[in-house]
Every structure is written in structure tokens, then in C-alpha cells.
């Protein structure tokens, strides 16, 4: 099973979304963080089951929240590039490749 590495920009994405959800309803940010953790675990366990969206970049949908996790497979790791709202422009994550 490959090791999961979250790039700093992707970590910032998660923090910003957490803060937004928490500001709108107490506890919702924690629920979002739990779903992100579950999504990361699923990616780490079986990264090839997620669809390729461009070149070597794959995408996983986050349950219960309209977020997508974009990641790339490396030799010995999975690199999370971005965690973005589904309505964001694809340009946002493509610039991070």
C-alpha cells in the first residue's frame, strides 16, 4: 500500500473548507474532516480504483460534501495535489501539477 502525502496547498484547501463549514454550523467542519480522512484512506488502500481525469492525475469524490480530491501516483507514494469544491474551475488544480 503506497504512502499518502498531502501537499501543502492541498492541506490549505482542507483547512479553508473546514473553517468555512465550521463557521456555518458547529461540528460540520469536523464532519468534513472525517470524510476527508475516509477519502484519503480509500485512496491509500486502492489508488487505482479511482478514475484518471488528465494524464496521470486521478480524482476521488468526498462523500456527503461536494469536494474532489485530485492526486497522482508516484513510485512509492500517492501525492494529493488539491482538495477542491466540485464547482471550482479545473484550472485551479491543473496549475498545481
PDB file of N, CA and C in Angstrom:
ATOM      1  N   UNK A   1       0.848  -1.172   0.000  1.00  0.00           N
ATOM      2  CA  UNK A   1       0.000   0.000   0.000  1.00  0.00           C
ATOM      3  C   UNK A   1       0.902   1.247   0.000  1.00  0.00           C
ATOM      4  N   UNK A   2       0.698   2.148  -0.962  1.00  0.00           N
ATOM      5  CA  UNK A   2       1.547   3.339  -1.032  1.00  0.00           C
ATOM      6  C   UNK A   2       1.255   4.324   0.094  1.00  0.00           C
ATOM      7  N   UNK A   3       2.244   5.052   0.446  1.00  0.00           N
ATOM      8  CA  UNK A   3       2.144   6.078   1.480  1.00  0.00           C
ATOM      9  C   UNK A   3       1.453   7.305   0.886  1.00  0.00           C
ATOM     10  N   UNK A   4       0.595   7.961   1.652  1.00  0.00           N
ATOM     11  CA  UNK A   4      -0.125   9.143   1.198  1.00  0.00           C
ATOM     12  C   UNK A   4       0.598  10.396   1.671  1.00  0.00           C
ATOM     13  N   UNK A   5       0.847  11.298   0.734  1.00  0.00           N
ATOM     14  CA  UNK A   5       1.481  12.576   1.047  1.00  0.00           C
ATOM     15  C   UNK A   5       0.544  13.687   0.589  1.00  0.00           C
ATOM     16  N   UNK A   6       0.186  14.580   1.500  1.00  0.00           N
ATOM     17  CA  UNK A   6      -0.685  15.709   1.176  1.00  0.00           C
ATOM     18  C   UNK A   6       0.204  16.936   0.987  1.00  0.00           C
ATOM     19  N   UNK A   7       0.181  17.478  -0.215  1.00  0.00           N
ATOM     20  CA  UNK A   7       0.972  18.676  -0.491  1.00  0.00           C
ATOM     21  C   UNK A   7       0.439  19.847   0.347  1.00  0.00           C
ATOM     22  N   UNK A   8       1.302  20.798   0.670  1.00  0.00           N
ATOM     23  CA  UNK A   8       0.870  21.934   1.494  1.00  0.00           C
ATOM     24  C   UNK A   8      -0.358  22.670   0.940  1.00  0.00           C
ATOM     25  N   UNK A   9      -0.415  22.881  -0.359  1.00  0.00           N
ATOM     26  CA  UNK A   9      -1.568  23.594  -0.946  1.00  0.00           C
ATOM     27  C   UNK A   9      -2.857  22.797  -0.739  1.00  0.00           C
ATOM     28  N   UNK A  10      -2.784  21.474  -0.837  1.00  0.00           N
ATOM     29  CA  UNK A  10      -3.966  20.630  -0.607  1.00  0.00           C
ATOM     30  C   UNK A  10      -4.369  20.677   0.858  1.00  0.00           C
ATOM     31  N   UNK A  11      -3.388  20.694   1.740  1.00  0.00           N
ATOM     32  CA  UNK A  11      -3.680  20.836   3.166  1.00  0.00           C
ATOM     33  C   UNK A  11      -4.366  22.164   3.452  1.00  0.00           C
ATOM     34  N   UNK A  12      -3.911  23.219   2.779  1.00  0.00           N
ATOM     35  CA  UNK A  12      -4.547  24.529   2.931  1.00  0.00           C
ATOM     36  C   UNK A  12      -5.995  24.493   2.435  1.00  0.00           C
ATOM     37  N   UNK A  13      -6.234  23.748   1.340  1.00  0.00           N
ATOM     38  CA  UNK A  13      -7.598  23.593   0.824  1.00  0.00           C
ATOM     39  C   UNK A  13      -8.517  23.006   1.897  1.00  0.00           C
ATOM     40  N   UNK A  14      -8.024  21.973   2.566  1.00  0.00           N
ATOM     41  CA  UNK A  14      -8.821  21.289   3.593  1.00  0.00           C
ATOM     42  C   UNK A  14      -9.084  22.221   4.774  1.00  0.00           C
ATOM     43  N   UNK A  15      -8.074  22.940   5.201  1.00  0.00           N
ATOM     44  CA  UNK A  15      -8.242  23.862   6.329  1.00  0.00           C
ATOM     45  C   UNK A  15      -9.270  24.940   5.989  1.00  0.00           C
ATOM     46  N   UNK A  16      -9.191  25.500   4.799  1.00  0.00           N
ATOM     47  CA  UNK A  16     -10.129  26.550   4.397  1.00  0.00           C
ATOM     48  C   UNK A  16     -11.563  26.018   4.364  1.00  0.00           C
ATOM     49  N   UNK A  17     -11.754  24.820   3.828  1.00  0.00           N
ATOM     50  CA  UNK A  17     -13.094  24.231   3.773  1.00  0.00           C
ATOM     51  C   UNK A  17     -13.588  23.901   5.175  1.00  0.00           C
ATOM     52  N   UNK A  18     -12.707  23.343   5.998  1.00  0.00           N
ATOM     53  CA  UNK A  18     -13.069  23.051   7.390  1.00  0.00           C
ATOM     54  C   UNK A  18     -13.560  24.310   8.083  1.00  0.00           C
ATOM     55  N   UNK A  19     -12.820  25.396   7.966  1.00  0.00           N
ATOM     56  CA  UNK A  19     -13.180  26.643   8.627  1.00  0.00           C
ATOM     57  C   UNK A  19     -14.510  27.185   8.110  1.00  0.00           C
ATOM     58  N   UNK A  20     -14.738  27.067   6.804  1.00  0.00           N
ATOM     59  CA  UNK A  20     -15.991  27.543   6.223  1.00  0.00           C
ATOM     60  C   UNK A  20     -17.164  26.746   6.777  1.00  0.00           C
ATOM     61  N   UNK A  21     -17.042  25.413   6.769  1.00  0.00           N
ATOM     62  CA  UNK A  21     -18.136  24.576   7.285  1.00  0.00           C
ATOM     63  C   UNK A  21     -18.364  24.812   8.777  1.00  0.00           C
ATOM     64  N   UNK A  22     -17.302  24.938   9.521  1.00  0.00           N
ATOM     65  CA  UNK A  22     -17.429  25.126  10.965  1.00  0.00           C
ATOM     66  C   UNK A  22     -18.074  26.474  11.283  1.00  0.00           C
ATOM     67  N   UNK A  23     -17.788  27.487  10.487  1.00  0.00           N
ATOM     68  CA  UNK A  23     -18.376  28.809  10.693  1.00  0.00           C
ATOM     69  C   UNK A  23     -19.876  28.801  10.403  1.00  0.00           C
ATOM     70  N   UNK A  24     -20.296  27.905   9.526  1.00  0.00           N
ATOM     71  CA  UNK A  24     -21.708  27.850   9.166  1.00  0.00           C
ATOM     72  C   UNK A  24     -22.537  26.972  10.102  1.00  0.00           C
ATOM     73  N   UNK A  25     -21.916  25.970  10.691  1.00  0.00           N
ATOM     74  CA  UNK A  25     -22.613  25.140  11.672  1.00  0.00           C
ATOM     75  C   UNK A  25     -21.585  24.407  12.526  1.00  0.00           C
ATOM     76  N   UNK A  26     -21.658  24.612  13.805  1.00  0.00           N
ATOM     77  CA  UNK A  26     -20.713  23.981  14.726  1.00  0.00           C
ATOM     78  C   UNK A  26     -20.737  22.464  14.540  1.00  0.00           C
ATOM     79  N   UNK A  27     -19.575  21.885  14.397  1.00  0.00           N
ATOM     80  CA  UNK A  27     -19.446  20.440  14.226  1.00  0.00           C
ATOM     81  C   UNK A  27     -19.394  19.993  12.778  1.00  0.00           C
ATOM     82  N   UNK A  28     -19.868  20.829  11.853  1.00  0.00           N
ATOM     83  CA  UNK A  28     -19.872  20.436  10.444  1.00  0.00           C
ATOM     84  C   UNK A  28     -18.452  20.365   9.884  1.00  0.00           C
ATOM     85  N   UNK A  29     -17.582  21.229  10.364  1.00  0.00           N
ATOM     86  CA  UNK A  29     -16.184  21.185   9.941  1.00  0.00           C
ATOM     87  C   UNK A  29     -15.540  19.861  10.326  1.00  0.00           C
ATOM     88  N   UNK A  30     -15.839  19.376  11.523  1.00  0.00           N
ATOM     89  CA  UNK A  30     -15.299  18.088  11.971  1.00  0.00           C
ATOM     90  C   UNK A  30     -15.844  16.939  11.136  1.00  0.00           C
ATOM     91  N   UNK A  31     -17.109  17.037  10.753  1.00  0.00           N
ATOM     92  CA  UNK A  31     -17.679  16.003   9.883  1.00  0.00           C
ATOM     93  C   UNK A  31     -16.987  16.013   8.528  1.00  0.00           C
ATOM     94  N   UNK A  32     -16.702  17.200   8.014  1.00  0.00           N
ATOM     95  CA  UNK A  32     -15.974  17.324   6.758  1.00  0.00           C
ATOM     96  C   UNK A  32     -14.583  16.684   6.890  1.00  0.00           C
ATOM     97  N   UNK A  33     -13.889  17.010   7.971  1.00  0.00           N
ATOM     98  CA  UNK A  33     -12.548  16.456   8.194  1.00  0.00           C
ATOM     99  C   UNK A  33     -12.587  14.933   8.277  1.00  0.00           C
ATOM    100  N   UNK A  34     -13.615  14.382   8.905  1.00  0.00           N
ATOM    101  CA  UNK A  34     -13.760  12.924   8.984  1.00  0.00           C
ATOM    102  C   UNK A  34     -13.922  12.315   7.593  1.00  0.00           C
ATOM    103  N   UNK A  35     -14.732  12.959   6.760  1.00  0.00           N
ATOM    104  CA  UNK A  35     -14.936  12.441   5.397  1.00  0.00           C
ATOM    105  C   UNK A  35     -13.669  12.555   4.557  1.00  0.00           C
ATOM    106  N   UNK A  36     -12.911  13.614   4.766  1.00  0.00           N
ATOM    107  CA  UNK A  36     -11.624  13.746   4.068  1.00  0.00           C
ATOM    108  C   UNK A  36     -10.702  12.613   4.493  1.00  0.00           C
ATOM    109  N   UNK A  37     -10.655  12.319   5.783  1.00  0.00           N
ATOM    110  CA  UNK A  37      -9.816  11.223   6.279  1.00  0.00           C
ATOM    111  C   UNK A  37     -10.238   9.879   5.669  1.00  0.00           C
ATOM    112  N   UNK A  38     -11.532   9.648   5.566  1.00  0.00           N
ATOM    113  CA  UNK A  38     -12.024   8.412   4.949  1.00  0.00           C
ATOM    114  C   UNK A  38     -11.644   8.348   3.470  1.00  0.00           C
ATOM    115  N   UNK A  39     -11.740   9.477   2.803  1.00  0.00           N
ATOM    116  CA  UNK A  39     -11.374   9.521   1.386  1.00  0.00           C
ATOM    117  C   UNK A  39      -9.878   9.251   1.217  1.00  0.00           C
ATOM    118  N   UNK A  40      -9.057   9.862   2.044  1.00  0.00           N
ATOM    119  CA  UNK A  40      -7.615   9.609   1.994  1.00  0.00           C
ATOM    120  C   UNK A  40      -7.314   8.131   2.230  1.00  0.00           C
ATOM    121  N   UNK A  41      -7.986   7.522   3.192  1.00  0.00           N
ATOM    122  CA  UNK A  41      -7.760   6.099   3.485  1.00  0.00           C
ATOM    123  C   UNK A  41      -8.145   5.229   2.289  1.00  0.00           C
ATOM    124  N   UNK A  42      -9.251   5.562   1.637  1.00  0.00           N
ATOM    125  CA  UNK A  42      -9.675   4.798   0.455  1.00  0.00           C
ATOM    126  C   UNK A  42      -8.675   4.948  -0.678  1.00  0.00           C
ATOM    127  N   UNK A  43      -8.152   6.157  -0.859  1.00  0.00           N
ATOM    128  CA  UNK A  43      -7.146   6.388  -1.905  1.00  0.00           C
ATOM    129  C   UNK A  43      -5.888   5.591  -1.596  1.00  0.00           C
ATOM    130  N   UNK A  44      -5.455   5.646  -0.362  1.00  0.00           N
ATOM    131  CA  UNK A  44      -4.235   4.945   0.039  1.00  0.00           C
ATOM    132  C   UNK A  44      -4.378   3.433  -0.119  1.00  0.00           C
ATOM    133  N   UNK A  45      -5.561   2.919   0.190  1.00  0.00           N
ATOM    134  CA  UNK A  45      -5.791   1.473   0.119  1.00  0.00           C
ATOM    135  C   UNK A  45      -5.863   0.956  -1.314  1.00  0.00           C
ATOM    136  N   UNK A  46      -6.438   1.740  -2.215  1.00  0.00           N
ATOM    137  CA  UNK A  46      -6.622   1.267  -3.598  1.00  0.00           C
ATOM    138  C   UNK A  46      -6.646   2.445  -4.571  1.00  0.00           C
ATOM    139  N   UNK A  47      -5.511   3.076  -4.793  1.00  0.00           N
ATOM    140  CA  UNK A  47      -5.492   4.282  -5.628  1.00  0.00           C
ATOM    141  C   UNK A  47      -5.901   4.046  -7.084  1.00  0.00           C
ATOM    142  N   UNK A  48      -5.701   2.856  -7.581  1.00  0.00           N
ATOM    143  CA  UNK A  48      -6.010   2.588  -8.993  1.00  0.00           C
ATOM    144  C   UNK A  48      -7.507   2.464  -9.267  1.00  0.00           C
ATOM    145  N   UNK A  49      -8.321   2.389  -8.237  1.00  0.00           N
ATOM    146  CA  UNK A  49      -9.762   2.253  -8.469  1.00  0.00           C
ATOM    147  C   UNK A  49     -10.419   3.585  -8.823  1.00  0.00           C
ATOM    148  N   UNK A  50      -9.690   4.671  -8.673  1.00  0.00           N
ATOM    149  CA  UNK A  50     -10.232   5.996  -8.965  1.00  0.00           C
ATOM    150  C   UNK A  50      -9.896   6.392 -10.398  1.00  0.00           C
ATOM    151  N   UNK A  51     -10.807   7.119 -11.037  1.00  0.00           N
ATOM    152  CA  UNK A  51     -10.617   7.424 -12.454  1.00  0.00           C
ATOM    153  C   UNK A  51      -9.513   8.451 -12.721  1.00  0.00           C
ATOM    154  N   UNK A  52      -8.872   8.267 -13.853  1.00  0.00           N
ATOM    155  CA  UNK A  52      -7.897   9.236 -14.345  1.00  0.00           C
ATOM    156  C   UNK A  52      -8.676  10.384 -14.971  1.00  0.00           C
ATOM    157  N   UNK A  53      -8.314  11.616 -14.604  1.00  0.00           N
ATOM    158  CA  UNK A  53      -9.007  12.774 -15.165  1.00  0.00           C
ATOM    159  C   UNK A  53      -8.144  13.530 -16.175  1.00  0.00           C
ATOM    160  N   UNK A  54      -6.834  13.405 -16.059  1.00  0.00           N
ATOM    161  CA  UNK A  54      -5.925  14.044 -17.007  1.00  0.00           C
ATOM    162  C   UNK A  54      -4.530  13.479 -16.806  1.00  0.00           C
ATOM    163  N   UNK A  55      -3.962  12.980 -17.892  1.00  0.00           N
ATOM    164  CA  UNK A  55      -2.617  12.400 -17.840  1.00  0.00           C
ATOM    165  C   UNK A  55      -2.525  11.373 -16.710  1.00  0.00           C
ATOM    166  N   UNK A  56      -1.749  11.676 -15.663  1.00  0.00           N
ATOM    167  CA  UNK A  56      -1.582  10.737 -14.544  1.00  0.00           C
ATOM    168  C   UNK A  56      -2.322  11.176 -13.284  1.00  0.00           C
ATOM    169  N   UNK A  57      -3.219  12.141 -13.414  1.00  0.00           N
ATOM    170  CA  UNK A  57      -3.950  12.662 -12.265  1.00  0.00           C
ATOM    171  C   UNK A  57      -5.279  11.926 -12.115  1.00  0.00           C
ATOM    172  N   UNK A  58      -5.551  11.472 -10.911  1.00  0.00           N
ATOM    173  CA  UNK A  58      -6.793  10.766 -10.598  1.00  0.00           C
ATOM    174  C   UNK A  58      -7.642  11.616  -9.660  1.00  0.00           C
ATOM    175  N   UNK A  59      -8.911  11.248  -9.551  1.00  0.00           N
ATOM    176  CA  UNK A  59      -9.835  12.030  -8.741  1.00  0.00           C
ATOM    177  C   UNK A  59     -10.713  11.116  -7.893  1.00  0.00           C
ATOM    178  N   UNK A  60     -10.899  11.515  -6.643  1.00  0.00           N
ATOM    179  CA  UNK A  60     -11.805  10.811  -5.734  1.00  0.00           C
ATOM    180  C   UNK A  60     -12.839  11.812  -5.228  1.00  0.00           C
ATOM    181  N   UNK A  61     -14.092  11.369  -5.175  1.00  0.00           N
ATOM    182  CA  UNK A  61     -15.162  12.210  -4.650  1.00  0.00           C
ATOM    183  C   UNK A  61     -15.263  12.010  -3.139  1.00  0.00           C
ATOM    184  N   UNK A  62     -15.509  13.092  -2.425  1.00  0.00           N
ATOM    185  CA  UNK A  62     -15.685  13.044  -0.979  1.00  0.00           C
ATOM    186  C   UNK A  62     -17.171  12.825  -0.703  1.00  0.00           C
ATOM    187  N   UNK A  63     -17.497  11.844   0.100  1.00  0.00           N
ATOM    188  CA  UNK A  63     -18.903  11.585   0.442  1.00  0.00           C
ATOM    189  C   UNK A  63     -19.471  12.718   1.288  1.00  0.00           C
ATOM    190  N   UNK A  64     -20.754  12.998   1.069  1.00  0.00           N
ATOM    191  CA  UNK A  64     -21.528  13.965   1.843  1.00  0.00           C
ATOM    192  C   UNK A  64     -21.160  15.424   1.589  1.00  0.00           C
ATOM    193  N   UNK A  65     -20.049  15.678   0.949  1.00  0.00           N
ATOM    194  CA  UNK A  65     -19.615  17.046   0.700  1.00  0.00           C
ATOM    195  C   UNK A  65     -19.230  17.170  -0.778  1.00  0.00           C
ATOM    196  N   UNK A  66     -19.470  18.327  -1.381  1.00  0.00           N
ATOM    197  CA  UNK A  66     -19.197  18.474  -2.817  1.00  0.00           C
ATOM    198  C   UNK A  66     -17.725  18.776  -3.126  1.00  0.00           C
ATOM    199  N   UNK A  67     -16.849  17.951  -2.593  1.00  0.00           N
ATOM    200  CA  UNK A  67     -15.416  18.157  -2.780  1.00  0.00           C
ATOM    201  C   UNK A  67     -14.801  16.990  -3.536  1.00  0.00           C
ATOM    202  N   UNK A  68     -13.726  17.310  -4.250  1.00  0.00           N
ATOM    203  CA  UNK A  68     -12.988  16.322  -5.032  1.00  0.00           C
ATOM    204  C   UNK A  68     -11.528  16.350  -4.592  1.00  0.00           C
ATOM    205  N   UNK A  69     -10.930  15.179  -4.506  1.00  0.00           N
ATOM    206  CA  UNK A  69      -9.515  15.064  -4.153  1.00  0.00           C
ATOM    207  C   UNK A  69      -8.763  14.650  -5.416  1.00  0.00           C
ATOM    208  N   UNK A  70      -7.824  15.472  -5.824  1.00  0.00           N
ATOM    209  CA  UNK A  70      -7.008  15.193  -7.008  1.00  0.00           C
ATOM    210  C   UNK A  70      -5.653  14.694  -6.531  1.00  0.00           C
ATOM    211  N   UNK A  71      -5.201  13.587  -7.111  1.00  0.00           N
ATOM    212  CA  UNK A  71      -3.937  13.009  -6.658  1.00  0.00           C
ATOM    213  C   UNK A  71      -3.187  12.338  -7.802  1.00  0.00           C
ATOM    214  N   UNK A  72      -1.904  12.136  -7.571  1.00  0.00           N
ATOM    215  CA  UNK A  72      -1.047  11.468  -8.553  1.00  0.00           C
ATOM    216  C   UNK A  72      -0.332  10.315  -7.868  1.00  0.00           C
ATOM    217  N   UNK A  73      -0.134   9.238  -8.619  1.00  0.00           N
ATOM    218  CA  UNK A  73       0.638   8.103  -8.109  1.00  0.00           C
ATOM    219  C   UNK A  73       2.107   8.332  -8.426  1.00  0.00           C
ATOM    220  N   UNK A  74       2.926   8.198  -7.417  1.00  0.00           N
ATOM    221  CA  UNK A  74       4.371   8.279  -7.590  1.00  0.00           C
ATOM    222  C   UNK A  74       4.926   6.870  -7.417  1.00  0.00           C
ATOM    223  N   UNK A  75       6.225   6.703  -7.506  1.00  0.00           N
ATOM    224  CA  UNK A  75       6.813   5.367  -7.381  1.00  0.00           C
ATOM    225  C   UNK A  75       6.448   4.683  -6.069  1.00  0.00           C
ATOM    226  N   UNK A  76       6.549   5.410  -4.962  1.00  0.00           N
ATOM    227  CA  UNK A  76       6.320   4.799  -3.653  1.00  0.00           C
ATOM    228  C   UNK A  76       5.299   5.549  -2.808  1.00  0.00           C
ATOM    229  N   UNK A  77       4.535   6.440  -3.429  1.00  0.00           N
ATOM    230  CA  UNK A  77       3.587   7.256  -2.661  1.00  0.00           C
ATOM    231  C   UNK A  77       2.438   7.731  -3.540  1.00  0.00           C
ATOM    232  N   UNK A  78       1.436   8.239  -2.867  1.00  0.00           N
ATOM    233  CA  UNK A  78       0.324   8.921  -3.518  1.00  0.00           C
ATOM    234  C   UNK A  78       0.423  10.371  -3.079  1.00  0.00           C
ATOM    235  N   UNK A  79       0.444  11.282  -4.038  1.00  0.00           N
ATOM    236  CA  UNK A  79       0.584  12.700  -3.739  1.00  0.00           C
ATOM    237  C   UNK A  79      -0.740  13.417  -3.977  1.00  0.00           C
ATOM    238  N   UNK A  80      -1.327  13.935  -2.900  1.00  0.00           N
ATOM    239  CA  UNK A  80      -2.572  14.688  -3.015  1.00  0.00           C
ATOM    240  C   UNK A  80      -2.217  16.103  -3.462  1.00  0.00           C
ATOM    241  N   UNK A  81      -2.745  16.474  -4.621  1.00  0.00           N
ATOM    242  CA  UNK A  81      -2.431  17.752  -5.247  1.00  0.00           C
ATOM    243  C   UNK A  81      -3.384  18.854  -4.795  1.00  0.00           C
ATOM    244  N   UNK A  82      -4.674  18.516  -4.722  1.00  0.00           N
ATOM    245  CA  UNK A  82      -5.682  19.526  -4.385  1.00  0.00           C
ATOM    246  C   UNK A  82      -6.920  18.859  -3.809  1.00  0.00           C
ATOM    247  N   UNK A  83      -7.625  19.596  -2.964  1.00  0.00           N
ATOM    248  CA  UNK A  83      -8.924  19.188  -2.429  1.00  0.00           C
ATOM    249  C   UNK A  83      -9.835  20.382  -2.667  1.00  0.00           C
ATOM    250  N   UNK A  84     -10.656  20.295  -3.719  1.00  0.00           N
ATOM    251  CA  UNK A  84     -11.407  21.456  -4.170  1.00  0.00           C
ATOM    252  C   UNK A  84     -12.899  21.183  -4.286  1.00  0.00           C
ATOM    253  N   UNK A  85     -13.664  22.230  -4.120  1.00  0.00           N
ATOM    254  CA  UNK A  85     -15.112  22.159  -4.312  1.00  0.00           C
ATOM    255  C   UNK A  85     -15.369  21.753  -5.760  1.00  0.00           C
ATOM    256  N   UNK A  86     -16.368  20.921  -5.968  1.00  0.00           N
ATOM    257  CA  UNK A  86     -16.668  20.411  -7.299  1.00  0.00           C
ATOM    258  C   UNK A  86     -17.037  21.463  -8.319  1.00  0.00           C
ATOM    259  N   UNK A  87     -17.443  22.641  -7.874  1.00  0.00           N
ATOM    260  CA  UNK A  87     -17.807  23.698  -8.805  1.00  0.00           C
ATOM    261  C   UNK A  87     -16.639  24.612  -9.159  1.00  0.00           C
ATOM    262  N   UNK A  88     -15.485  24.375  -8.561  1.00  0.00           N
ATOM    263  CA  UNK A  88     -14.306  25.175  -8.898  1.00  0.00           C
ATOM    264  C   UNK A  88     -13.827  24.812 -10.283  1.00  0.00           C
ATOM    265  N   UNK A  89     -13.205  25.744 -10.934  1.00  0.00           N
ATOM    266  CA  UNK A  89     -12.662  25.519 -12.263  1.00  0.00           C
ATOM    267  C   UNK A  89     -11.541  24.489 -12.197  1.00  0.00           C
ATOM    268  N   UNK A  90     -11.461  23.575 -13.176  1.00  0.00           N
ATOM    269  CA  UNK A  90     -10.359  22.616 -13.210  1.00  0.00           C
ATOM    270  C   UNK A  90      -9.002  23.263 -13.306  1.00  0.00           C
ATOM    271  N   UNK A  91      -8.966  24.507 -13.746  1.00  0.00           N
ATOM    272  CA  UNK A  91      -7.692  25.219 -13.840  1.00  0.00           C
ATOM    273  C   UNK A  91      -7.016  25.301 -12.463  1.00  0.00           C
ATOM    274  N   UNK A  92      -7.822  25.372 -11.416  1.00  0.00           N
ATOM    275  CA  UNK A  92      -7.281  25.511 -10.058  1.00  0.00           C
ATOM    276  C   UNK A  92      -6.337  24.372  -9.707  1.00  0.00           C
ATOM    277  N   UNK A  93      -6.667  23.133 -10.015  1.00  0.00           N
ATOM    278  CA  UNK A  93      -5.772  22.023  -9.669  1.00  0.00           C
ATOM    279  C   UNK A  93      -4.743  21.766 -10.762  1.00  0.00           C
ATOM    280  N   UNK A  94      -5.069  22.074 -11.999  1.00  0.00           N
ATOM    281  CA  UNK A  94      -4.113  21.836 -13.094  1.00  0.00           C
ATOM    282  C   UNK A  94      -2.859  22.689 -12.941  1.00  0.00           C
ATOM    283  N   UNK A  95      -2.989  23.846 -12.341  1.00  0.00           N
ATOM    284  CA  UNK A  95      -1.835  24.713 -12.128  1.00  0.00           C
ATOM    285  C   UNK A  95      -0.884  24.133 -11.085  1.00  0.00           C
ATOM    286  N   UNK A  96      -1.334  23.196 -10.301  1.00  0.00           N
ATOM    287  CA  UNK A  96      -0.511  22.634  -9.221  1.00  0.00           C
ATOM    288  C   UNK A  96       0.252  21.379  -9.632  1.00  0.00           C
ATOM    289  N   UNK A  97      -0.043  20.847 -10.789  1.00  0.00           N
ATOM    290  CA  UNK A  97       0.583  19.590 -11.193  1.00  0.00           C
ATOM    291  C   UNK A  97       2.047  19.747 -11.176  1.00  0.00           C
TER     292      UNK A  97
END
